[in-house]
């Protein structure tokens, strides 16, 4: 009798294991990508059309000139609110706030791509090629001229993948040499320097921006305050985090931190879109996997420290929370092609409306 019961239990377990698993409800990676693309499309309309009109046409020349210019080219487009700089600026703020949803989602999808790609070299090559292809329309759309002062977001994503490769290599590395042991000894200094540099390069550090505004300090003093506070904060985090770890794990953290610091600095020196903070957001999301939403929010927090204007990006955690881990539609090259194409479209649209290619 007992043997029969055991056989029945085994059969039930086997049946449970072989039965098809119920698919998780949610949205696919391609749906997330479409949400991000729509948000980006709206955001770049504000950056390349609305802001260009506000800062290069309306404010310098006044309402009458702006109305005459637009009506001479597209008469049906003019509305009275377009002659009010405050209303145009409010429209721009609204548009750009909606656009903050895009980049964190792309960071999240980049991490997913990094984890699932079968050929890392091809992945990097694609990012590199489209970074170069997108640079001309990016410059013309946002700056109205060809410039090396700022690089498009593909450069940021390219550097972020390099940072992930380096961090993953450190995580899987079996042995460490003398250089690594030296890095371990100065790990606390690396952490502090990283924190100081990161806060100084932010567009509105929590530490310096608030204190500087309260006490009406100049930018130099605010940067010093940001740097000191960032140094202390990251030093404390490093010491608390590594105190309980064994020597090898502590070494991995120190070496990995050095590599990430290096790629953060590279993005800042190249002035890529979102700079080193964009790279840091990607790395943070990767470190927190497979807890998708926790890592995602941590990445958005990094962007918000960079600039308070990124705070609305937390809304993008809602679709990420619904992500079911599936790829969805095969649209690998759609975003790559869409990015330079829609920027070129906005340059053309600006010419149609305002009659100028650039500044």
Protein backbone atom coordinates (compact mmCIF):
# COMPACT_ATOMS: atom_id res chain seq x y z
CA UNK A 1 0.00 0.00 0.00
CA UNK A 2 2.79 2.44 0.97
CA UNK A 3 4.68 1.58 -2.23
CA UNK A 4 1.57 2.36 -4.27
CA UNK A 5 1.21 5.73 -2.53
CA UNK A 6 4.87 6.54 -3.21
CA UNK A 7 4.48 5.59 -6.88
CA UNK A 8 1.44 7.87 -7.15
CA UNK A 9 3.37 10.74 -5.56
CA UNK A 10 6.27 10.23 -7.99
CA UNK A 11 3.85 10.22 -10.92
CA UNK A 12 2.21 13.42 -9.68
CA UNK A 13 5.60 15.15 -9.33
CA UNK A 14 6.68 13.98 -12.79
CA UNK A 15 3.42 15.21 -14.27
CA UNK A 16 3.88 18.59 -12.60
CA UNK A 17 7.41 18.91 -13.96
CA UNK A 18 6.47 17.98 -17.52
CA UNK A 19 3.26 20.01 -17.63
CA UNK A 20 3.55 23.24 -19.67
CA UNK A 21 4.22 26.22 -17.41
CA UNK A 22 1.76 29.08 -17.42
CA UNK A 23 3.22 32.11 -19.14
CA UNK A 24 3.79 35.15 -16.96
CA UNK A 25 1.41 38.00 -17.69
CA UNK A 26 3.10 41.20 -18.73
CA UNK A 27 4.75 43.07 -21.57
CA UNK A 28 7.66 42.01 -23.72
CA UNK A 29 10.97 43.65 -24.37
CA UNK A 30 9.78 44.94 -27.74
CA UNK A 31 6.81 46.63 -26.06
CA UNK A 32 9.17 48.30 -23.60
CA UNK A 33 11.29 49.44 -26.52
CA UNK A 34 8.26 50.94 -28.28
CA UNK A 35 7.29 52.84 -25.10
CA UNK A 36 10.83 54.20 -24.85
CA UNK A 37 10.89 55.16 -28.54
CA UNK A 38 7.61 57.08 -28.25
CA UNK A 39 8.89 58.89 -25.17
CA UNK A 40 12.17 59.70 -26.93
CA UNK A 41 10.31 60.93 -30.03
CA UNK A 42 8.30 63.35 -27.90
CA UNK A 43 11.36 64.45 -25.93
CA UNK A 44 13.44 65.22 -29.00
CA UNK A 45 10.62 67.26 -30.52
CA UNK A 46 10.91 69.50 -27.49
CA UNK A 47 14.70 69.65 -27.64
CA UNK A 48 15.14 70.18 -31.38
CA UNK A 49 12.02 72.18 -32.31
CA UNK A 50 10.43 73.85 -29.29
CA UNK A 51 13.65 74.80 -27.51
CA UNK A 52 15.32 75.91 -30.74
CA UNK A 53 12.34 78.16 -31.49
CA UNK A 54 12.25 79.54 -27.94
CA UNK A 55 15.94 80.31 -27.49
CA UNK A 56 16.97 81.18 -31.06
CA UNK A 57 13.85 82.80 -32.54
CA UNK A 58 11.27 83.98 -30.00
CA UNK A 59 13.41 85.31 -27.14
CA UNK A 60 16.05 87.11 -29.26
CA UNK A 61 13.64 88.59 -31.83
CA UNK A 62 10.26 88.97 -30.12
CA UNK A 63 6.69 87.97 -30.89
CA UNK A 64 6.09 90.02 -34.04
CA UNK A 65 9.17 88.67 -35.80
CA UNK A 66 8.38 85.09 -34.77
CA UNK A 67 4.79 85.36 -35.97
CA UNK A 68 5.81 86.88 -39.29
CA UNK A 69 8.46 84.18 -39.82
CA UNK A 70 6.19 81.23 -39.13
CA UNK A 71 3.19 82.68 -40.98
CA UNK A 72 5.35 83.30 -44.05
CA UNK A 73 6.21 79.61 -44.18
CA UNK A 74 3.35 77.71 -42.51
CA UNK A 75 0.45 80.18 -42.02
CA UNK A 76 -1.96 77.67 -40.48
CA UNK A 77 0.49 76.71 -37.74
CA UNK A 78 0.62 79.98 -35.81
CA UNK A 79 -1.34 80.25 -32.54
CA UNK A 80 -1.28 83.20 -30.17
CA UNK A 81 0.31 81.29 -27.29
CA UNK A 82 3.36 80.72 -29.50
CA UNK A 83 4.23 84.39 -29.00
CA UNK A 84 4.40 84.03 -25.21
CA UNK A 85 7.88 82.81 -24.06
CA UNK A 86 6.51 81.62 -20.70
CA UNK A 87 3.85 79.42 -22.29
CA UNK A 88 6.31 78.02 -24.82
CA UNK A 89 8.73 77.24 -22.00
CA UNK A 90 5.99 75.49 -20.00
CA UNK A 91 5.18 73.39 -23.05
CA UNK A 92 8.85 72.51 -23.38
CA UNK A 93 9.10 71.50 -19.71
CA UNK A 94 6.07 69.22 -20.11
CA UNK A 95 7.45 67.61 -23.25
CA UNK A 96 10.92 67.07 -21.79
CA UNK A 97 9.42 65.59 -18.61
CA UNK A 98 7.59 62.99 -20.69
CA UNK A 99 10.85 62.31 -22.47
CA UNK A 100 12.64 61.41 -19.23
CA UNK A 101 11.02 57.97 -19.39
CA UNK A 102 13.04 56.87 -22.42
CA UNK A 103 16.67 56.64 -21.36
CA UNK A 104 16.21 54.47 -18.22
CA UNK A 105 14.20 51.96 -20.24
CA UNK A 106 16.92 51.84 -22.89
CA UNK A 107 19.48 51.29 -20.11
CA UNK A 108 17.40 48.41 -18.79
CA UNK A 109 17.09 46.87 -22.25
CA UNK A 110 20.83 47.31 -22.79
CA UNK A 111 21.48 45.20 -19.69
CA UNK A 112 19.05 42.58 -20.99
CA UNK A 113 20.83 42.61 -24.32
CA UNK A 114 24.20 42.27 -22.62
CA UNK A 115 22.99 39.24 -20.64
CA UNK A 116 21.44 37.47 -23.62
CA UNK A 117 23.55 38.39 -26.63
CA UNK A 118 25.38 35.52 -28.30
CA UNK A 119 28.06 37.70 -29.85
CA UNK A 120 29.39 40.56 -27.75
CA UNK A 121 31.69 41.83 -30.51
CA UNK A 122 28.81 42.25 -32.93
CA UNK A 123 26.79 43.96 -30.22
CA UNK A 124 29.57 46.50 -29.69
CA UNK A 125 30.11 46.96 -33.41
CA UNK A 126 26.42 47.78 -33.94
CA UNK A 127 26.48 50.35 -31.17
CA UNK A 128 29.72 51.85 -32.49
CA UNK A 129 28.55 52.09 -36.10
CA UNK A 130 25.26 53.78 -35.22
CA UNK A 131 27.04 56.09 -32.79
CA UNK A 132 29.03 57.40 -35.76
CA UNK A 133 26.07 57.41 -38.14
CA UNK A 134 23.90 59.31 -35.65
CA UNK A 135 26.42 62.00 -34.79
CA UNK A 136 25.67 64.39 -37.68
CA UNK A 137 21.86 64.41 -37.27
CA UNK A 138 22.35 64.59 -33.48
CA UNK A 139 24.56 67.67 -33.77
CA UNK A 140 22.26 69.42 -36.21
CA UNK A 141 19.08 68.59 -34.28
CA UNK A 142 20.26 69.74 -30.86
CA UNK A 143 23.00 72.27 -31.54
CA UNK A 144 22.29 73.50 -35.06
CA UNK A 145 25.90 72.92 -36.09
CA UNK A 146 28.48 70.17 -36.43
CA UNK A 147 30.36 70.01 -33.14
CA UNK A 148 32.49 67.72 -31.03
CA UNK A 149 31.32 69.33 -27.79
CA UNK A 150 28.65 66.69 -27.17
CA UNK A 151 28.20 63.09 -28.36
CA UNK A 152 24.98 61.18 -28.92
CA UNK A 153 23.53 58.53 -26.61
CA UNK A 154 24.91 55.60 -28.62
CA UNK A 155 28.39 56.57 -27.41
CA UNK A 156 27.10 56.39 -23.83
CA UNK A 157 25.58 52.96 -24.40
CA UNK A 158 28.77 51.76 -26.12
CA UNK A 159 30.91 52.82 -23.15
CA UNK A 160 28.36 51.33 -20.74
CA UNK A 161 28.69 47.92 -22.42
CA UNK A 162 32.49 48.17 -22.10
CA UNK A 163 32.00 48.89 -18.39
CA UNK A 164 29.75 45.83 -18.06
CA UNK A 165 32.30 43.63 -19.84
CA UNK A 166 35.04 44.83 -17.47
CA UNK A 167 32.89 44.39 -14.35
CA UNK A 168 31.73 40.96 -15.45
CA UNK A 169 35.34 39.95 -16.15
CA UNK A 170 36.36 40.97 -12.63
CA UNK A 171 33.45 39.03 -11.19
CA UNK A 172 34.48 35.83 -13.01
CA UNK A 173 38.26 36.26 -12.69
CA UNK A 174 39.90 33.37 -10.87
CA UNK A 175 43.27 34.89 -9.92
CA UNK A 176 44.58 38.37 -9.21
CA UNK A 177 48.05 39.86 -9.73
CA UNK A 178 50.05 42.43 -7.82
CA UNK A 179 48.31 45.36 -9.47
CA UNK A 180 44.94 44.08 -8.30
CA UNK A 181 46.26 43.67 -4.77
CA UNK A 182 47.52 47.25 -4.84
CA UNK A 183 44.09 48.44 -6.01
CA UNK A 184 42.55 46.56 -3.11
CA UNK A 185 44.73 48.48 -0.64
CA UNK A 186 43.60 51.85 -2.00
CA UNK A 187 40.02 50.78 -2.68
CA UNK A 188 38.67 53.24 -0.13
CA UNK A 189 40.44 56.10 -1.92
CA UNK A 190 39.05 54.99 -5.27
CA UNK A 191 35.55 54.91 -3.82
CA UNK A 192 35.94 58.37 -2.33
CA UNK A 193 37.43 59.84 -5.51
CA UNK A 194 34.63 58.29 -7.57
CA UNK A 195 32.01 59.84 -5.31
CA UNK A 196 33.67 63.25 -5.38
CA UNK A 197 34.12 63.31 -9.14
CA UNK A 198 30.62 62.01 -9.80
CA UNK A 199 28.98 64.72 -7.70
CA UNK A 200 31.12 67.48 -9.20
CA UNK A 201 30.18 66.41 -12.73
CA UNK A 202 26.45 66.23 -11.98
CA UNK A 203 24.24 68.98 -13.41
CA UNK A 204 22.57 69.59 -10.06
CA UNK A 205 24.05 67.56 -7.24
CA UNK A 206 21.79 67.11 -4.24
CA UNK A 207 24.67 68.11 -1.99
CA UNK A 208 25.95 71.23 -3.69
CA UNK A 209 22.83 72.51 -5.44
CA UNK A 210 20.63 72.82 -2.35
CA UNK A 211 23.34 74.19 -0.06
CA UNK A 212 24.54 76.57 -2.77
CA UNK A 213 21.01 77.86 -3.35
CA UNK A 214 20.30 78.36 0.37
CA UNK A 215 23.50 80.22 1.11
CA UNK A 216 23.80 81.84 -2.34
CA UNK A 217 27.20 80.37 -3.04
CA UNK A 218 28.95 80.54 -6.40
CA UNK A 219 29.47 77.49 -8.61
CA UNK A 220 33.04 76.88 -7.45
CA UNK A 221 32.10 76.65 -3.77
CA UNK A 222 29.05 74.51 -4.60
CA UNK A 223 31.27 72.11 -6.53
CA UNK A 224 33.69 71.88 -3.62
CA UNK A 225 30.81 71.09 -1.27
CA UNK A 226 29.49 68.50 -3.73
CA UNK A 227 32.91 66.90 -4.06
CA UNK A 228 33.57 66.68 -0.33
CA UNK A 229 30.09 65.33 0.41
CA UNK A 230 30.36 62.82 -2.43
CA UNK A 231 33.77 61.67 -1.21
CA UNK A 232 32.50 61.11 2.33
CA UNK A 233 29.28 59.40 1.23
CA UNK A 234 30.96 56.89 -1.10
CA UNK A 235 33.77 56.27 1.37
CA UNK A 236 31.26 55.35 4.08
CA UNK A 237 29.30 53.12 1.69
CA UNK A 238 32.50 51.35 0.64
CA UNK A 239 33.73 50.77 4.19
CA UNK A 240 30.35 49.53 5.43
CA UNK A 241 29.83 47.32 2.37
CA UNK A 242 33.26 45.68 2.37
CA UNK A 243 33.76 45.36 6.12
CA UNK A 244 32.01 41.98 6.28
CA UNK A 245 33.52 40.57 3.08
CA UNK A 246 36.44 38.22 2.78
CA UNK A 247 39.67 39.46 1.18
CA UNK A 248 38.98 38.15 -2.33
CA UNK A 249 35.47 39.55 -2.57
CA UNK A 250 36.67 42.89 -1.27
CA UNK A 251 39.38 42.89 -3.94
CA UNK A 252 36.80 42.20 -6.65
CA UNK A 253 34.77 45.18 -5.49
CA UNK A 254 37.81 47.48 -5.47
CA UNK A 255 39.02 46.42 -8.92
CA UNK A 256 35.52 46.53 -10.41
CA UNK A 257 35.01 49.98 -8.91
CA UNK A 258 38.24 51.19 -10.52
CA UNK A 259 37.14 49.96 -13.97
CA UNK A 260 33.70 51.53 -13.68
CA UNK A 261 35.30 54.77 -12.48
CA UNK A 262 37.48 54.71 -15.59
CA UNK A 263 34.55 54.31 -17.99
CA UNK A 264 32.56 56.92 -16.06
CA UNK A 265 35.44 59.32 -16.60
CA UNK A 266 35.72 58.40 -20.30
CA UNK A 267 32.06 59.23 -20.89
CA UNK A 268 32.48 62.54 -19.08
CA UNK A 269 35.59 63.48 -21.06
CA UNK A 270 33.85 62.68 -24.35
CA UNK A 271 30.76 64.62 -23.20
CA UNK A 272 28.39 61.85 -24.21
CA UNK A 273 24.66 62.23 -23.66
CA UNK A 274 23.99 61.61 -19.93
CA UNK A 275 27.76 61.30 -19.51
CA UNK A 276 29.24 59.09 -16.85
CA UNK A 277 25.96 59.04 -14.96
CA UNK A 278 24.36 57.21 -17.87
CA UNK A 279 27.13 54.60 -17.68
CA UNK A 280 26.68 54.36 -13.92
CA UNK A 281 22.91 53.86 -14.29
CA UNK A 282 23.51 50.88 -16.58
CA UNK A 283 26.08 49.32 -14.23
CA UNK A 284 23.78 49.74 -11.22
CA UNK A 285 20.93 48.03 -13.08
CA UNK A 286 23.24 45.16 -14.00
CA UNK A 287 24.50 44.74 -10.44
CA UNK A 288 20.97 44.48 -9.04
CA UNK A 289 19.75 41.79 -11.43
CA UNK A 290 17.67 39.64 -11.36
CA UNK A 291 15.71 42.03 -9.12
CA UNK A 292 14.65 44.07 -12.13
CA UNK A 293 12.63 46.79 -10.47
CA UNK A 294 15.08 47.38 -7.61
CA UNK A 295 18.00 47.78 -9.97
CA UNK A 296 15.95 49.92 -12.32
CA UNK A 297 14.94 52.34 -9.58
CA UNK A 298 18.53 52.48 -8.34
CA UNK A 299 19.63 53.42 -11.87
CA UNK A 300 16.97 56.13 -12.10
CA UNK A 301 18.08 57.41 -8.69
CA UNK A 302 21.60 57.81 -10.07
CA UNK A 303 20.22 59.86 -12.97
CA UNK A 304 18.14 61.96 -10.57
CA UNK A 305 21.25 62.75 -8.51
CA UNK A 306 22.83 63.86 -11.76
CA UNK A 307 19.90 66.20 -12.45
CA UNK A 308 16.64 66.79 -10.59
CA UNK A 309 14.89 67.01 -13.94
CA UNK A 310 15.26 63.25 -14.32
CA UNK A 311 12.92 62.54 -11.39
CA UNK A 312 9.91 61.90 -13.63
CA UNK A 313 11.82 58.90 -15.00
CA UNK A 314 10.62 56.92 -11.97
CA UNK A 315 7.28 56.64 -13.79
CA UNK A 316 8.99 54.34 -16.30
CA UNK A 317 9.32 51.78 -13.49
CA UNK A 318 5.64 50.93 -14.07
CA UNK A 319 6.10 49.30 -17.51
CA UNK A 320 9.40 47.75 -16.38
CA UNK A 321 7.57 46.14 -13.46
CA UNK A 322 5.28 44.46 -16.02
CA UNK A 323 8.19 43.09 -18.07
CA UNK A 324 7.77 39.33 -18.50
CA UNK A 325 11.30 38.56 -19.62
CA UNK A 326 10.32 37.73 -23.19
CA UNK A 327 11.82 39.31 -26.28
CA UNK A 328 8.60 39.93 -28.20
CA UNK A 329 8.72 41.25 -31.75
CA UNK A 330 12.00 40.98 -33.61
CA UNK A 331 12.95 44.63 -34.03
CA UNK A 332 16.66 44.54 -33.30
CA UNK A 333 17.58 47.13 -35.91
CA UNK A 334 14.46 49.28 -35.64
CA UNK A 335 15.74 51.47 -32.80
CA UNK A 336 19.20 51.68 -34.32
CA UNK A 337 17.76 53.07 -37.55
CA UNK A 338 15.00 55.10 -35.89
CA UNK A 339 17.37 57.16 -33.78
CA UNK A 340 19.29 58.96 -36.57
CA UNK A 341 16.23 58.95 -38.87
CA UNK A 342 13.93 60.81 -36.50
CA UNK A 343 16.66 63.34 -35.67
CA UNK A 344 17.15 64.02 -39.38
CA UNK A 345 13.37 64.37 -39.71
CA UNK A 346 13.30 67.03 -36.99
CA UNK A 347 16.11 68.96 -38.67
CA UNK A 348 14.08 68.96 -41.90
CA UNK A 349 10.88 69.90 -40.05
CA UNK A 350 12.64 72.80 -38.37
CA UNK A 351 13.76 74.06 -41.76
CA UNK A 352 10.19 73.84 -43.09
CA UNK A 353 8.77 75.78 -40.13
CA UNK A 354 11.56 78.24 -39.33
CA UNK A 355 13.60 78.31 -42.54
CA UNK A 356 16.89 77.50 -40.81
CA UNK A 357 19.06 74.38 -40.71
CA UNK A 358 20.94 75.50 -37.66
CA UNK A 359 22.04 78.45 -35.61
